[in-house]
């Protein structure tokens, strides 16, 4: 089942849009190492991007909102309790930001 799932479920590379298995963290097409979601471990998606309000590590917005919905869940990286109201969808993430730096585009 796992092999079938990995062959079938593909999401675009956030850098070049090449379809990749969700758990791939390096794109064979553009050769970039891909940022990963701190909740799922899957590579990030350009249109579902958020980050921890405390440590700025990336997380898939749709998953992070559910993960933190009770208001008592700590971030898997910095262990700070995440307020779901502070999680924002980042519409144009800076794909080249270093981990732990804000992914908001500037300019």
N, C-alpha and C. Protein backbone atom coordinates (compact mmCIF):
# COMPACT_ATOMS: atom_id res chain seq x y z
N UNK A 1 0.83 -1.21 0.00
CA UNK A 1 0.00 0.00 0.00
C UNK A 1 0.87 1.26 0.00
N UNK A 2 1.93 1.27 0.79
CA UNK A 2 2.78 2.45 0.89
C UNK A 2 3.38 2.81 -0.47
N UNK A 3 3.88 1.82 -1.20
CA UNK A 3 4.47 2.09 -2.51
C UNK A 3 3.42 2.61 -3.48
N UNK A 4 2.23 2.04 -3.47
CA UNK A 4 1.16 2.52 -4.33
C UNK A 4 0.83 3.97 -4.00
N UNK A 5 0.70 4.27 -2.73
CA UNK A 5 0.36 5.62 -2.28
C UNK A 5 1.41 6.62 -2.74
N UNK A 6 2.69 6.27 -2.58
CA UNK A 6 3.76 7.18 -2.96
C UNK A 6 3.79 7.41 -4.47
N UNK A 7 3.42 6.41 -5.26
CA UNK A 7 3.39 6.59 -6.72
C UNK A 7 2.20 7.44 -7.14
N UNK A 8 1.08 7.33 -6.44
CA UNK A 8 -0.16 7.99 -6.85
C UNK A 8 -0.33 9.41 -6.30
N UNK A 9 -0.01 9.61 -5.05
CA UNK A 9 -0.24 10.90 -4.41
C UNK A 9 0.97 11.80 -4.65
N UNK A 10 0.76 12.80 -5.48
CA UNK A 10 1.85 13.71 -5.85
C UNK A 10 1.38 15.15 -5.69
N UNK A 11 2.29 15.97 -5.23
CA UNK A 11 2.05 17.40 -5.11
C UNK A 11 3.16 18.12 -5.84
N UNK A 12 2.92 19.36 -6.28
CA UNK A 12 3.96 20.07 -7.03
C UNK A 12 5.12 20.51 -6.14
N UNK A 13 6.31 20.46 -6.72
CA UNK A 13 7.49 21.03 -6.07
C UNK A 13 7.20 22.52 -5.86
N UNK A 14 7.45 23.08 -4.68
CA UNK A 14 7.18 24.51 -4.47
C UNK A 14 8.12 25.41 -5.26
N UNK A 15 9.20 24.85 -5.80
CA UNK A 15 10.16 25.65 -6.57
C UNK A 15 9.84 25.66 -8.06
N UNK A 16 9.62 24.45 -8.65
CA UNK A 16 9.48 24.34 -10.11
C UNK A 16 8.17 23.72 -10.57
N UNK A 17 7.32 23.32 -9.64
CA UNK A 17 6.01 22.73 -9.92
C UNK A 17 6.03 21.32 -10.51
N UNK A 18 7.16 20.64 -10.51
CA UNK A 18 7.22 19.26 -10.96
C UNK A 18 6.46 18.39 -9.97
N UNK A 19 5.57 17.51 -10.43
CA UNK A 19 4.85 16.62 -9.51
C UNK A 19 5.82 15.67 -8.80
N UNK A 20 5.71 15.62 -7.47
CA UNK A 20 6.58 14.79 -6.64
C UNK A 20 5.74 14.06 -5.60
N UNK A 21 6.20 12.89 -5.16
CA UNK A 21 5.54 12.27 -4.00
C UNK A 21 5.58 13.24 -2.81
N UNK A 22 4.54 13.23 -2.00
CA UNK A 22 4.42 14.18 -0.88
C UNK A 22 5.59 14.12 0.09
N UNK A 23 6.19 12.95 0.22
CA UNK A 23 7.26 12.79 1.22
C UNK A 23 8.65 13.05 0.66
N UNK A 24 8.75 13.42 -0.62
CA UNK A 24 10.04 13.72 -1.21
C UNK A 24 10.52 15.08 -0.75
N UNK A 25 11.76 15.15 -0.29
CA UNK A 25 12.30 16.42 0.21
C UNK A 25 13.42 16.96 -0.67
N UNK A 26 13.60 16.36 -1.84
CA UNK A 26 14.55 16.87 -2.81
C UNK A 26 13.94 16.68 -4.19
N UNK A 27 13.95 17.73 -4.99
CA UNK A 27 13.37 17.67 -6.32
C UNK A 27 14.42 17.22 -7.31
N UNK A 28 14.13 16.15 -8.04
CA UNK A 28 15.05 15.66 -9.05
C UNK A 28 15.13 16.56 -10.27
N UNK A 29 14.12 17.38 -10.48
CA UNK A 29 14.09 18.27 -11.64
C UNK A 29 14.91 19.54 -11.42
N UNK A 30 14.60 20.29 -10.36
CA UNK A 30 15.31 21.56 -10.11
C UNK A 30 16.48 21.41 -9.15
N UNK A 31 16.62 20.21 -8.56
CA UNK A 31 17.74 19.86 -7.66
C UNK A 31 17.73 20.63 -6.35
N UNK A 32 16.60 21.21 -5.98
CA UNK A 32 16.50 21.94 -4.71
C UNK A 32 16.11 21.01 -3.57
N UNK A 33 16.64 21.29 -2.39
CA UNK A 33 16.17 20.65 -1.17
C UNK A 33 14.92 21.40 -0.77
N UNK A 34 13.85 20.65 -0.49
CA UNK A 34 12.56 21.27 -0.25
C UNK A 34 12.29 21.45 1.24
N UNK A 35 11.70 22.59 1.62
CA UNK A 35 11.30 22.77 3.01
C UNK A 35 10.17 21.79 3.34
N UNK A 36 10.13 21.36 4.58
CA UNK A 36 9.12 20.38 4.98
C UNK A 36 8.24 20.91 6.09
N UNK A 37 7.04 20.36 6.15
CA UNK A 37 6.05 20.74 7.16
C UNK A 37 6.45 20.15 8.52
N UNK A 38 6.42 20.97 9.55
CA UNK A 38 6.80 20.52 10.89
C UNK A 38 5.76 19.59 11.51
N UNK A 39 4.57 19.54 10.94
CA UNK A 39 3.52 18.66 11.47
C UNK A 39 3.52 17.31 10.76
N UNK A 40 3.63 17.31 9.44
CA UNK A 40 3.48 16.07 8.67
C UNK A 40 4.79 15.47 8.17
N UNK A 41 5.81 16.30 7.98
CA UNK A 41 7.05 15.84 7.37
C UNK A 41 7.00 15.86 5.86
N UNK A 42 5.84 16.18 5.27
CA UNK A 42 5.72 16.27 3.81
C UNK A 42 6.32 17.59 3.33
N UNK A 43 6.69 17.63 2.04
CA UNK A 43 7.24 18.88 1.52
C UNK A 43 6.15 19.95 1.47
N UNK A 44 6.58 21.19 1.58
CA UNK A 44 5.66 22.32 1.61
C UNK A 44 5.04 22.55 0.25
N UNK A 45 3.85 23.16 0.26
CA UNK A 45 3.13 23.54 -0.95
C UNK A 45 3.03 25.05 -0.99
N UNK A 46 3.31 25.62 -2.12
CA UNK A 46 3.32 27.07 -2.27
C UNK A 46 1.97 27.71 -1.90
N UNK A 47 0.86 27.00 -2.19
CA UNK A 47 -0.47 27.59 -1.94
C UNK A 47 -1.09 27.15 -0.62
N UNK A 48 -0.32 26.50 0.24
CA UNK A 48 -0.82 26.04 1.55
C UNK A 48 0.26 26.28 2.61
N UNK A 49 0.87 27.45 2.58
CA UNK A 49 2.06 27.75 3.37
C UNK A 49 1.71 28.58 4.60
N UNK A 50 2.22 28.16 5.72
CA UNK A 50 2.15 28.97 6.95
C UNK A 50 3.43 28.69 7.72
N UNK A 51 3.51 29.27 8.89
CA UNK A 51 4.69 29.02 9.72
C UNK A 51 4.31 29.19 11.18
N UNK A 52 5.10 28.62 12.04
CA UNK A 52 4.87 28.78 13.48
C UNK A 52 5.03 30.26 13.82
N UNK A 53 4.07 30.84 14.53
CA UNK A 53 4.18 32.25 14.91
C UNK A 53 5.39 32.53 15.82
N UNK A 54 5.90 31.51 16.49
CA UNK A 54 7.03 31.72 17.42
C UNK A 54 8.39 31.50 16.79
N UNK A 55 8.55 30.38 16.08
CA UNK A 55 9.88 30.04 15.57
C UNK A 55 10.02 30.18 14.06
N UNK A 56 8.92 30.43 13.35
CA UNK A 56 8.88 30.66 11.90
C UNK A 56 9.24 29.43 11.06
N UNK A 57 9.22 28.23 11.63
CA UNK A 57 9.42 27.03 10.82
C UNK A 57 8.15 26.79 10.01
N UNK A 58 8.28 26.29 8.78
CA UNK A 58 7.12 26.14 7.91
C UNK A 58 6.20 24.99 8.31
N UNK A 59 4.93 25.18 7.99
CA UNK A 59 3.91 24.15 8.22
C UNK A 59 2.83 24.33 7.16
N UNK A 60 2.26 23.24 6.71
CA UNK A 60 1.13 23.32 5.79
C UNK A 60 -0.03 23.97 6.53
N UNK A 61 -0.54 25.06 5.99
CA UNK A 61 -1.57 25.84 6.66
C UNK A 61 -2.78 25.00 7.06
N UNK A 62 -3.30 24.23 6.11
CA UNK A 62 -4.51 23.44 6.37
C UNK A 62 -4.30 22.44 7.50
N UNK A 63 -3.13 21.86 7.57
CA UNK A 63 -2.82 20.87 8.60
C UNK A 63 -2.51 21.56 9.94
N UNK A 64 -1.77 22.65 9.89
CA UNK A 64 -1.35 23.35 11.11
C UNK A 64 -2.55 23.91 11.87
N UNK A 65 -3.54 24.44 11.13
CA UNK A 65 -4.75 24.97 11.78
C UNK A 65 -5.47 23.86 12.55
N UNK A 66 -5.61 22.70 11.95
CA UNK A 66 -6.25 21.57 12.64
C UNK A 66 -5.41 21.09 13.81
N UNK A 67 -4.10 21.02 13.60
CA UNK A 67 -3.17 20.56 14.62
C UNK A 67 -3.27 21.42 15.89
N UNK A 68 -3.44 22.72 15.70
CA UNK A 68 -3.43 23.65 16.83
C UNK A 68 -4.81 24.11 17.28
N UNK A 69 -5.87 23.51 16.76
CA UNK A 69 -7.21 24.04 16.99
C UNK A 69 -7.65 24.08 18.45
N UNK A 70 -7.10 23.24 19.30
CA UNK A 70 -7.53 23.27 20.71
C UNK A 70 -6.83 24.38 21.51
N UNK A 71 -5.84 25.05 20.92
CA UNK A 71 -5.16 26.14 21.60
C UNK A 71 -4.22 25.70 22.70
N UNK A 72 -3.97 24.39 22.82
CA UNK A 72 -3.09 23.87 23.86
C UNK A 72 -1.93 23.06 23.30
N UNK A 73 -1.84 23.00 21.98
CA UNK A 73 -0.85 22.16 21.33
C UNK A 73 0.46 22.92 21.12
N UNK A 74 1.58 22.35 21.55
CA UNK A 74 2.87 23.03 21.33
C UNK A 74 3.41 22.77 19.92
N UNK A 75 4.17 23.72 19.42
CA UNK A 75 4.87 23.56 18.15
C UNK A 75 5.86 22.40 18.28
N UNK A 76 5.95 21.53 17.29
CA UNK A 76 6.89 20.41 17.35
C UNK A 76 8.37 20.84 17.36
N UNK A 77 8.65 22.07 16.95
CA UNK A 77 10.04 22.54 16.90
C UNK A 77 10.42 23.33 18.15
N UNK A 78 9.64 24.37 18.48
CA UNK A 78 10.04 25.26 19.59
C UNK A 78 9.30 24.98 20.89
N UNK A 79 8.29 24.11 20.84
CA UNK A 79 7.53 23.70 22.03
C UNK A 79 6.69 24.83 22.63
N UNK A 80 6.48 25.91 21.88
CA UNK A 80 5.62 26.99 22.32
C UNK A 80 4.17 26.65 21.96
N UNK A 81 3.24 26.88 22.86
CA UNK A 81 1.82 26.61 22.57
C UNK A 81 1.39 27.52 21.43
N UNK A 82 0.77 26.94 20.41
CA UNK A 82 0.38 27.67 19.21
C UNK A 82 -1.07 28.12 19.34
N UNK A 83 -1.28 29.43 19.22
CA UNK A 83 -2.62 30.00 19.19
C UNK A 83 -3.11 29.90 17.75
N UNK A 84 -4.17 29.13 17.47
CA UNK A 84 -4.62 28.96 16.09
C UNK A 84 -4.99 30.28 15.40
N UNK A 85 -5.40 31.29 16.17
CA UNK A 85 -5.75 32.58 15.58
C UNK A 85 -4.52 33.31 15.02
N UNK A 86 -3.33 32.91 15.44
CA UNK A 86 -2.10 33.56 14.97
C UNK A 86 -1.51 32.88 13.73
N UNK A 87 -2.08 31.76 13.31
CA UNK A 87 -1.57 31.05 12.13
C UNK A 87 -2.14 31.73 10.90
N UNK A 88 -1.27 32.15 10.02
CA UNK A 88 -1.67 32.88 8.81
C UNK A 88 -1.25 32.13 7.55
N UNK A 89 -2.10 32.18 6.54
CA UNK A 89 -1.76 31.67 5.22
C UNK A 89 -0.82 32.68 4.58
N UNK A 90 0.34 32.22 4.17
CA UNK A 90 1.32 33.09 3.51
C UNK A 90 1.13 32.89 2.01
N UNK A 91 0.63 33.93 1.35
CA UNK A 91 0.25 33.80 -0.05
C UNK A 91 1.43 33.79 -1.01
N UNK A 92 2.50 34.47 -0.69
CA UNK A 92 3.69 34.48 -1.54
C UNK A 92 4.91 34.22 -0.67
N UNK A 93 5.12 32.97 -0.31
CA UNK A 93 6.25 32.67 0.58
C UNK A 93 7.59 32.88 -0.10
N UNK A 94 8.57 33.29 0.69
CA UNK A 94 9.94 33.38 0.22
C UNK A 94 10.50 31.96 0.28
N UNK A 95 10.56 31.30 -0.84
CA UNK A 95 10.96 29.89 -0.88
C UNK A 95 12.42 29.68 -0.54
N UNK A 96 13.18 30.76 -0.50
CA UNK A 96 14.61 30.64 -0.22
C UNK A 96 14.98 31.07 1.20
N UNK A 97 13.96 31.35 2.02
CA UNK A 97 14.23 31.71 3.42
C UNK A 97 14.88 30.52 4.13
N UNK A 98 15.79 30.81 5.02
CA UNK A 98 16.39 29.75 5.81
C UNK A 98 15.37 29.27 6.83
N UNK A 99 15.48 28.00 7.22
CA UNK A 99 14.55 27.48 8.22
C UNK A 99 14.64 28.32 9.49
N UNK A 100 13.51 28.65 10.04
CA UNK A 100 13.46 29.45 11.24
C UNK A 100 13.39 30.96 10.96
N UNK A 101 13.52 31.36 9.69
CA UNK A 101 13.34 32.76 9.31
C UNK A 101 11.97 32.90 8.69
N UNK A 102 11.40 34.06 8.76
CA UNK A 102 10.07 34.27 8.21
C UNK A 102 10.05 34.00 6.72
N UNK A 103 8.98 33.41 6.24
CA UNK A 103 8.85 33.06 4.82
C UNK A 103 8.10 34.12 4.03
N UNK A 104 7.77 35.23 4.67
CA UNK A 104 7.04 36.29 3.99
C UNK A 104 7.95 36.94 2.98
N UNK A 105 7.45 37.10 1.75
CA UNK A 105 8.23 37.75 0.69
C UNK A 105 8.40 39.21 1.00
N UNK A 106 9.55 39.72 0.65
CA UNK A 106 9.80 41.15 0.79
C UNK A 106 10.10 41.70 -0.59
N UNK A 107 9.32 42.73 -0.98
CA UNK A 107 9.56 43.40 -2.25
C UNK A 107 8.92 42.75 -3.34
